[in-house]
Amino acid sequence: MNRMLSQFCFGNPCLACHKVTQPSLAIPGLCRHCLSQLPWRLADSKLPWPPELTAAFTNQAIRNTIAHSDILVACRYDTPIREGLLALKFSDASEWSQTFAALLAALIARDTVHFDAIVAVPLHPKRLAERGYNQAGLIAAALATRLAVPDWSSQLIRARDTARQSEQKMRSDRYLNLEQAFRWQGNRNLQLARILLVDDVLTTGATLGAAAAPLFALGAVVTGLAVASDHKVPNIPYW
């Protein structure tokens, strides 16, 4: 009875600390204390696309578009974001997708740029069947609803069943593993379309870059979007 009364007064337990307390109005799923402890990336939220993506194109106009586009990252891969991402990916904790969508919405709200659509980095159908859902797709769908922007995720497919990126020891192996792994199967004209490409974690940028390649090739202006990454922003590309 006490637990039911607490939930009635304060809401559901915080996803991070699991305490039933006054929730944050800005970020669903987190209490105000945990929200104040989030490992935000503030001064270094913008990262460049990896040079391997630019190198894949000889068209100078596409190269210029990539050079003037960014990857935006909300947080460092640290507590409680790390635990939430792992729970979402491996423990079917889909409630975290709403929290991460709110974090990403807060991140892009710093700019006044309008986006035409949101696209999630897809899983191969075999991997999707094994897991039952695509964690990036859940985040992208929640973000699309929050921003009132169309979700075109179904039109970007993973055409090859690649080995797991975590199994690739060398940076170069990660890029070779994903070479031409993604394909746009939609009939929409992407020329100058402004697309948010969503993934959960950015490690080397290989997956996000490979997924962005067919979109850039069709003339889209792609902004990468990730919940977390530990990369820093040096004076030269960090990749």
C-alpha atoms as a PDB file:
ATOM      1  CA  MET A   1       0.000   0.000   0.000  1.00  0.00           C
ATOM      2  CA  ASN A   2       2.779   2.442   0.848  1.00  0.00           C
ATOM      3  CA  ARG A   3       4.459   1.717  -2.488  1.00  0.00           C
ATOM      4  CA  MET A   4       1.216   2.299  -4.377  1.00  0.00           C
ATOM      5  CA  LEU A   5       0.643   5.555  -2.504  1.00  0.00           C
ATOM      6  CA  SER A   6       4.197   6.700  -3.279  1.00  0.00           C
ATOM      7  CA  GLN A   7       3.762   5.955  -6.974  1.00  0.00           C
ATOM      8  CA  PHE A   8       0.468   7.812  -7.004  1.00  0.00           C
ATOM      9  CA  CYS A   9       2.061  10.879  -5.399  1.00  0.00           C
ATOM     10  CA  PHE A  10       5.443  10.885  -7.110  1.00  0.00           C
ATOM     11  CA  GLY A  11       5.246   8.607 -10.152  1.00  0.00           C
ATOM     12  CA  ASN A  12       7.240   5.551 -11.186  1.00  0.00           C
ATOM     13  CA  PRO A  13      10.699   4.771  -9.788  1.00  0.00           C
ATOM     14  CA  CYS A  14      13.644   6.568 -11.377  1.00  0.00           C
ATOM     15  CA  LEU A  15      15.249   4.390 -14.067  1.00  0.00           C
ATOM     16  CA  ALA A  16      18.710   5.228 -12.773  1.00  0.00           C
ATOM     17  CA  CYS A  17      18.511   5.113  -8.957  1.00  0.00           C
ATOM     18  CA  HIS A  18      15.232   3.134  -8.739  1.00  0.00           C
ATOM     19  CA  LYS A  19      13.923   5.389  -5.983  1.00  0.00           C
ATOM     20  CA  VAL A  20      10.353   6.616  -6.097  1.00  0.00           C
ATOM     21  CA  THR A  21      10.843  10.329  -5.928  1.00  0.00           C
ATOM     22  CA  GLN A  22       9.743  13.508  -7.636  1.00  0.00           C
ATOM     23  CA  PRO A  23      10.384  13.050 -11.372  1.00  0.00           C
ATOM     24  CA  SER A  24      12.025  15.510 -13.693  1.00  0.00           C
ATOM     25  CA  LEU A  25       9.626  17.325 -15.974  1.00  0.00           C
ATOM     26  CA  ALA A  26      12.289  17.782 -18.644  1.00  0.00           C
ATOM     27  CA  ILE A  27      13.584  14.222 -19.028  1.00  0.00           C
ATOM     28  CA  PRO A  28      11.078  11.389 -18.460  1.00  0.00           C
ATOM     29  CA  GLY A  29      12.234   8.414 -16.426  1.00  0.00           C
ATOM     30  CA  LEU A  30      14.796  10.242 -14.315  1.00  0.00           C
ATOM     31  CA  CYS A  31      14.442  11.928 -10.957  1.00  0.00           C
ATOM     32  CA  ARG A  32      15.777  15.444 -10.493  1.00  0.00           C
ATOM     33  CA  HIS A  33      18.830  14.232  -8.593  1.00  0.00           C
ATOM     34  CA  CYS A  34      19.902  11.777 -11.309  1.00  0.00           C
ATOM     35  CA  LEU A  35      19.215  14.376 -13.967  1.00  0.00           C
ATOM     36  CA  SER A  36      21.627  16.724 -12.202  1.00  0.00           C
ATOM     37  CA  GLN A  37      24.284  13.983 -12.293  1.00  0.00           C
ATOM     38  CA  LEU A  38      24.088  13.231 -16.007  1.00  0.00           C
ATOM     39  CA  PRO A  39      27.461  13.215 -17.826  1.00  0.00           C
ATOM     40  CA  TRP A  40      26.437  15.792 -20.431  1.00  0.00           C
ATOM     41  CA  ARG A  41      28.804  16.686 -23.245  1.00  0.00           C
ATOM     42  CA  LEU A  42      28.427  20.450 -23.349  1.00  0.00           C
ATOM     43  CA  ALA A  43      31.460  22.104 -24.919  1.00  0.00           C
ATOM     44  CA  ASP A  44      32.328  19.009 -26.982  1.00  0.00           C
ATOM     45  CA  SER A  45      28.970  17.775 -28.230  1.00  0.00           C
ATOM     46  CA  LYS A  46      29.899  18.266 -31.907  1.00  0.00           C
ATOM     47  CA  LEU A  47      32.227  15.771 -33.597  1.00  0.00           C
ATOM     48  CA  PRO A  48      33.350  15.509 -37.235  1.00  0.00           C
ATOM     49  CA  TRP A  49      32.437  12.646 -39.521  1.00  0.00           C
ATOM     50  CA  PRO A  50      35.280  10.085 -39.787  1.00  0.00           C
ATOM     51  CA  PRO A  51      37.716  10.670 -42.678  1.00  0.00           C
ATOM     52  CA  GLU A  52      36.944   7.191 -44.034  1.00  0.00           C
ATOM     53  CA  LEU A  53      33.470   8.448 -44.947  1.00  0.00           C
ATOM     54  CA  THR A  54      34.851  11.369 -46.952  1.00  0.00           C
ATOM     55  CA  ALA A  55      37.427   9.099 -48.595  1.00  0.00           C
ATOM     56  CA  ALA A  56      34.648   6.887 -49.936  1.00  0.00           C
ATOM     57  CA  PHE A  57      33.543   9.675 -52.309  1.00  0.00           C
ATOM     58  CA  THR A  58      35.272  11.329 -55.257  1.00  0.00           C
ATOM     59  CA  ASN A  59      32.426  13.808 -55.817  1.00  0.00           C
ATOM     60  CA  GLN A  60      33.643  17.095 -54.355  1.00  0.00           C
ATOM     61  CA  ALA A  61      30.128  18.366 -53.653  1.00  0.00           C
ATOM     62  CA  ILE A  62      29.443  15.350 -51.423  1.00  0.00           C
ATOM     63  CA  ARG A  63      32.816  15.782 -49.738  1.00  0.00           C
ATOM     64  CA  ASN A  64      31.937  19.402 -48.988  1.00  0.00           C
ATOM     65  CA  THR A  65      28.547  18.412 -47.560  1.00  0.00           C
ATOM     66  CA  ILE A  66      30.210  15.897 -45.235  1.00  0.00           C
ATOM     67  CA  ALA A  67      32.831  18.442 -44.178  1.00  0.00           C
ATOM     68  CA  HIS A  68      30.132  20.916 -43.178  1.00  0.00           C
ATOM     69  CA  SER A  69      28.026  18.357 -41.312  1.00  0.00           C
ATOM     70  CA  ASP A  70      28.412  17.130 -37.733  1.00  0.00           C
ATOM     71  CA  ILE A  71      27.836  14.238 -35.405  1.00  0.00           C
ATOM     72  CA  LEU A  72      26.073  15.396 -32.243  1.00  0.00           C
ATOM     73  CA  VAL A  73      26.560  13.454 -29.005  1.00  0.00           C
ATOM     74  CA  ALA A  74      24.503  14.104 -25.879  1.00  0.00           C
ATOM     75  CA  CYS A  75      26.535  12.461 -23.099  1.00  0.00           C
ATOM     76  CA  ARG A  76      29.716  10.695 -22.171  1.00  0.00           C
ATOM     77  CA  TYR A  77      29.507   6.920 -21.901  1.00  0.00           C
ATOM     78  CA  ASP A  78      29.353   6.984 -18.117  1.00  0.00           C
ATOM     79  CA  THR A  79      26.931   6.297 -15.251  1.00  0.00           C
ATOM     80  CA  PRO A  80      23.920   6.293 -15.477  1.00  0.00           C
ATOM     81  CA  ILE A  81      23.842   6.593 -19.277  1.00  0.00           C
ATOM     82  CA  ARG A  82      26.058   3.548 -19.777  1.00  0.00           C
ATOM     83  CA  GLU A  83      23.843   1.327 -17.616  1.00  0.00           C
ATOM     84  CA  GLY A  84      20.712   2.633 -19.330  1.00  0.00           C
ATOM     85  CA  LEU A  85      22.088   1.935 -22.802  1.00  0.00           C
ATOM     86  CA  LEU A  86      23.085  -1.590 -21.821  1.00  0.00           C
ATOM     87  CA  ALA A  87      19.646  -2.206 -20.302  1.00  0.00           C
ATOM     88  CA  LEU A  88      17.930  -0.925 -23.440  1.00  0.00           C
ATOM     89  CA  LYS A  89      20.138  -2.991 -25.748  1.00  0.00           C
ATOM     90  CA  PHE A  90      20.292  -6.291 -23.900  1.00  0.00           C
ATOM     91  CA  SER A  91      17.517  -6.341 -21.285  1.00  0.00           C
ATOM     92  CA  ASP A  92      14.490  -5.136 -23.237  1.00  0.00           C
ATOM     93  CA  ALA A  93      14.250  -2.032 -21.042  1.00  0.00           C
ATOM     94  CA  SER A  94      12.387  -0.061 -23.706  1.00  0.00           C
ATOM     95  CA  GLU A  95      11.380   2.655 -21.215  1.00  0.00           C
ATOM     96  CA  TRP A  96      14.909   4.043 -21.556  1.00  0.00           C
ATOM     97  CA  SER A  97      14.211   4.942 -25.182  1.00  0.00           C
ATOM     98  CA  GLN A  98      11.916   7.775 -24.075  1.00  0.00           C
ATOM     99  CA  THR A  99      14.619   9.100 -21.746  1.00  0.00           C
ATOM    100  CA  PHE A 100      17.280   9.011 -24.452  1.00  0.00           C
ATOM    101  CA  ALA A 101      14.948  10.628 -26.986  1.00  0.00           C
ATOM    102  CA  ALA A 102      14.401  13.496 -24.557  1.00  0.00           C
ATOM    103  CA  LEU A 103      18.160  13.860 -24.070  1.00  0.00           C
ATOM    104  CA  LEU A 104      18.695  14.028 -27.839  1.00  0.00           C
ATOM    105  CA  ALA A 105      15.839  16.490 -28.255  1.00  0.00           C
ATOM    106  CA  ALA A 106      17.446  18.739 -25.646  1.00  0.00           C
ATOM    107  CA  LEU A 107      20.743  18.459 -27.521  1.00  0.00           C
ATOM    108  CA  ILE A 108      19.429  19.509 -30.920  1.00  0.00           C
ATOM    109  CA  ALA A 109      17.262  22.243 -29.372  1.00  0.00           C
ATOM    110  CA  ARG A 110      20.443  24.285 -28.998  1.00  0.00           C
ATOM    111  CA  ASP A 111      20.294  24.824 -32.772  1.00  0.00           C
ATOM    112  CA  THR A 112      17.280  26.159 -34.628  1.00  0.00           C
ATOM    113  CA  VAL A 113      17.803  23.897 -37.657  1.00  0.00           C
ATOM    114  CA  HIS A 114      14.742  22.103 -39.002  1.00  0.00           C
ATOM    115  CA  PHE A 115      15.100  18.468 -40.028  1.00  0.00           C
ATOM    116  CA  ASP A 116      12.985  16.752 -42.657  1.00  0.00           C
ATOM    117  CA  ALA A 117      13.184  13.245 -41.209  1.00  0.00           C
ATOM    118  CA  ILE A 118      14.763  10.927 -38.675  1.00  0.00           C
ATOM    119  CA  VAL A 119      16.440   7.643 -39.621  1.00  0.00           C
ATOM    120  CA  ALA A 120      17.776   4.980 -37.242  1.00  0.00           C
ATOM    121  CA  VAL A 121      20.899   2.951 -37.939  1.00  0.00           C
ATOM    122  CA  PRO A 122      19.307  -0.411 -38.818  1.00  0.00           C
ATOM    123  CA  LEU A 123      20.063  -3.958 -37.741  1.00  0.00           C
ATOM    124  CA  HIS A 124      20.294  -6.811 -40.222  1.00  0.00           C
ATOM    125  CA  PRO A 125      17.008  -8.808 -40.267  1.00  0.00           C
ATOM    126  CA  LYS A 126      18.803 -11.820 -38.775  1.00  0.00           C
ATOM    127  CA  ARG A 127      20.132  -9.777 -35.826  1.00  0.00           C
ATOM    128  CA  LEU A 128      16.765  -8.055 -35.460  1.00  0.00           C
ATOM    129  CA  ALA A 129      15.020 -11.429 -35.212  1.00  0.00           C
ATOM    130  CA  GLU A 130      17.487 -12.569 -32.544  1.00  0.00           C
ATOM    131  CA  ARG A 131      17.082  -9.453 -30.398  1.00  0.00           C
ATOM    132  CA  GLY A 132      13.450  -8.724 -31.179  1.00  0.00           C
ATOM    133  CA  TYR A 133      13.938  -4.979 -31.577  1.00  0.00           C
ATOM    134  CA  ASN A 134      16.410  -2.350 -32.717  1.00  0.00           C
ATOM    135  CA  GLN A 135      17.427  -0.119 -29.804  1.00  0.00           C
ATOM    136  CA  ALA A 136      18.374   2.725 -32.163  1.00  0.00           C
ATOM    137  CA  GLY A 137      14.990   2.344 -33.828  1.00  0.00           C
ATOM    138  CA  LEU A 138      13.174   2.698 -30.504  1.00  0.00           C
ATOM    139  CA  ILE A 139      15.087   5.890 -29.736  1.00  0.00           C
ATOM    140  CA  ALA A 140      14.514   7.271 -33.238  1.00  0.00           C
ATOM    141  CA  ALA A 141      10.768   6.558 -33.100  1.00  0.00           C
ATOM    142  CA  ALA A 142      10.433   8.289 -29.731  1.00  0.00           C
ATOM    143  CA  LEU A 143      12.480  11.246 -30.968  1.00  0.00           C
ATOM    144  CA  ALA A 144      10.415  11.551 -34.159  1.00  0.00           C
ATOM    145  CA  THR A 145       7.241  11.732 -32.068  1.00  0.00           C
ATOM    146  CA  ARG A 146       8.784  14.271 -29.704  1.00  0.00           C
ATOM    147  CA  LEU A 147       9.961  16.515 -32.563  1.00  0.00           C
ATOM    148  CA  ALA A 148       6.920  15.902 -34.800  1.00  0.00           C
ATOM    149  CA  VAL A 149       9.250  14.832 -37.616  1.00  0.00           C
ATOM    150  CA  PRO A 150       8.683  11.826 -39.940  1.00  0.00           C
ATOM    151  CA  ASP A 151      10.517   8.597 -39.151  1.00  0.00           C
ATOM    152  CA  TRP A 152      11.995   7.125 -42.349  1.00  0.00           C
ATOM    153  CA  SER A 153      13.937   4.366 -40.604  1.00  0.00           C
ATOM    154  CA  SER A 154      12.274   1.550 -42.541  1.00  0.00           C
ATOM    155  CA  GLN A 155      13.812   2.828 -45.772  1.00  0.00           C
ATOM    156  CA  LEU A 156      17.440   2.379 -44.709  1.00  0.00           C
ATOM    157  CA  ILE A 157      18.370  -1.300 -44.578  1.00  0.00           C
ATOM    158  CA  ARG A 158      21.380  -3.299 -43.502  1.00  0.00           C
ATOM    159  CA  ALA A 159      21.946  -5.368 -46.618  1.00  0.00           C
ATOM    160  CA  ARG A 160      24.782  -7.547 -45.307  1.00  0.00           C
ATOM    161  CA  ASP A 161      24.870  -9.611 -42.132  1.00  0.00           C
ATOM    162  CA  THR A 162      28.228  -8.344 -40.902  1.00  0.00           C
ATOM    163  CA  ALA A 163      30.291  -9.632 -38.005  1.00  0.00           C
ATOM    164  CA  ARG A 164      29.796  -7.817 -34.727  1.00  0.00           C
ATOM    165  CA  GLN A 165      31.752  -4.564 -34.553  1.00  0.00           C
ATOM    166  CA  SER A 166      32.868  -5.400 -31.006  1.00  0.00           C
ATOM    167  CA  GLU A 167      34.722  -8.406 -32.438  1.00  0.00           C
ATOM    168  CA  GLN A 168      36.838  -6.275 -34.783  1.00  0.00           C
ATOM    169  CA  LYS A 169      40.200  -5.627 -33.150  1.00  0.00           C
ATOM    170  CA  MET A 170      41.601  -2.992 -35.500  1.00  0.00           C
ATOM    171  CA  ARG A 171      40.048   0.282 -36.514  1.00  0.00           C
ATOM    172  CA  SER A 172      40.556  -0.554 -40.177  1.00  0.00           C
ATOM    173  CA  ASP A 173      38.748  -3.876 -39.657  1.00  0.00           C
ATOM    174  CA  ARG A 174      35.669  -2.048 -38.390  1.00  0.00           C
ATOM    175  CA  TYR A 175      35.429  -0.062 -41.614  1.00  0.00           C
ATOM    176  CA  LEU A 176      36.074  -3.049 -43.890  1.00  0.00           C
ATOM    177  CA  ASN A 177      33.463  -5.033 -41.978  1.00  0.00           C
ATOM    178  CA  LEU A 178      30.783  -2.452 -42.824  1.00  0.00           C
ATOM    179  CA  GLU A 179      31.822  -1.557 -46.382  1.00  0.00           C
ATOM    180  CA  GLN A 180      28.633  -1.105 -48.438  1.00  0.00           C
ATOM    181  CA  ALA A 181      26.640  -2.808 -45.689  1.00  0.00           C
ATOM    182  CA  PHE A 182      23.794  -0.272 -45.792  1.00  0.00           C
ATOM    183  CA  ARG A 183      21.405   0.583 -48.629  1.00  0.00           C
ATOM    184  CA  TRP A 184      18.617   3.118 -49.078  1.00  0.00           C
ATOM    185  CA  GLN A 185      15.554   1.368 -50.482  1.00  0.00           C
ATOM    186  CA  GLY A 186      13.090   4.229 -50.324  1.00  0.00           C
ATOM    187  CA  ASN A 187      11.687   6.051 -53.350  1.00  0.00           C
ATOM    188  CA  ARG A 188      11.949   9.483 -51.762  1.00  0.00           C
ATOM    189  CA  ASN A 189      14.120  12.133 -53.352  1.00  0.00           C
ATOM    190  CA  LEU A 190      16.877  12.765 -50.806  1.00  0.00           C
ATOM    191  CA  GLN A 191      18.495  15.661 -52.652  1.00  0.00           C
ATOM    192  CA  LEU A 192      19.143  18.295 -49.954  1.00  0.00           C
ATOM    193  CA  ALA A 193      16.912  16.413 -47.497  1.00  0.00           C
ATOM    194  CA  ARG A 194      18.029  17.167 -43.930  1.00  0.00           C
ATOM    195  CA  ILE A 195      18.217  13.906 -42.034  1.00  0.00           C
ATOM    196  CA  LEU A 196      18.997  13.045 -38.424  1.00  0.00           C
ATOM    197  CA  LEU A 197      20.750   9.655 -38.360  1.00  0.00           C
ATOM    198  CA  VAL A 198      20.324   8.106 -34.902  1.00  0.00           C
ATOM    199  CA  ASP A 199      22.437   5.508 -33.092  1.00  0.00           C
ATOM    200  CA  ASP A 200      22.847   4.648 -29.430  1.00  0.00           C
ATOM    201  CA  VAL A 201      26.633   4.652 -28.880  1.00  0.00           C
ATOM    202  CA  LEU A 202      29.416   6.089 -31.022  1.00  0.00           C
ATOM    203  CA  THR A 203      32.706   4.203 -30.645  1.00  0.00           C
ATOM    204  CA  THR A 204      34.913   4.681 -33.732  1.00  0.00           C
ATOM    205  CA  GLY A 205      32.231   6.160 -35.952  1.00  0.00           C
ATOM    206  CA  ALA A 206      32.454   3.259 -38.399  1.00  0.00           C
ATOM    207  CA  THR A 207      28.826   2.182 -38.066  1.00  0.00           C
ATOM    208  CA  LEU A 208      27.351   5.679 -38.170  1.00  0.00           C
ATOM    209  CA  GLY A 209      29.596   6.641 -41.092  1.00  0.00           C
ATOM    210  CA  ALA A 210      28.751   3.525 -43.087  1.00  0.00           C
ATOM    211  CA  ALA A 211      25.035   4.068 -42.496  1.00  0.00           C
ATOM    212  CA  ALA A 212      25.329   7.712 -43.565  1.00  0.00           C
ATOM    213  CA  ALA A 213      27.194   6.896 -46.802  1.00  0.00           C
ATOM    214  CA  PRO A 214      24.168   5.939 -48.960  1.00  0.00           C
ATOM    215  CA  LEU A 215      22.280   8.984 -47.677  1.00  0.00           C
ATOM    216  CA  PHE A 216      25.091  11.382 -48.532  1.00  0.00           C
ATOM    217  CA  ALA A 217      25.465   9.636 -51.913  1.00  0.00           C
ATOM    218  CA  LEU A 218      21.854  10.508 -52.745  1.00  0.00           C
ATOM    219  CA  GLY A 219      22.366  14.164 -51.885  1.00  0.00           C
ATOM    220  CA  ALA A 220      21.091  14.270 -48.310  1.00  0.00           C
ATOM    221  CA  VAL A 221      22.534  16.509 -45.623  1.00  0.00           C
ATOM    222  CA  VAL A 222      23.052  14.136 -42.712  1.00  0.00           C
ATOM    223  CA  THR A 223      23.548  15.025 -39.070  1.00  0.00           C
ATOM    224  CA  GLY A 224      24.688  12.092 -36.963  1.00  0.00           C
ATOM    225  CA  LEU A 225      23.112  11.757 -33.542  1.00  0.00           C
ATOM    226  CA  ALA A 226      24.283   9.494 -30.717  1.00  0.00           C
ATOM    227  CA  VAL A 227      23.277   9.223 -27.093  1.00  0.00           C
ATOM    228  CA  ALA A 228      26.819   8.667 -25.814  1.00  0.00           C
ATOM    229  CA  SER A 229      30.489   8.621 -26.755  1.00  0.00           C
ATOM    230  CA  ASP A 230      33.783   8.982 -24.919  1.00  0.00           C
ATOM    231  CA  HIS A 231      35.608  10.612 -27.844  1.00  0.00           C
ATOM    232  CA  LYS A 232      37.227  13.984 -27.288  1.00  0.00           C
ATOM    233  CA  VAL A 233      37.518  16.842 -29.751  1.00  0.00           C
ATOM    234  CA  PRO A 234      41.176  17.658 -30.443  1.00  0.00           C
ATOM    235  CA  ASN A 235      42.487  20.184 -32.922  1.00  0.00           C
ATOM    236  CA  ILE A 236      42.667  17.475 -35.559  1.00  0.00           C
ATOM    237  CA  PRO A 237      40.064  14.793 -36.317  1.00  0.00           C
ATOM    238  CA  TYR A 238      40.036  12.420 -33.382  1.00  0.00           C
ATOM    239  CA  TRP A 239      39.516   9.344 -35.461  1.00  0.00           C
END
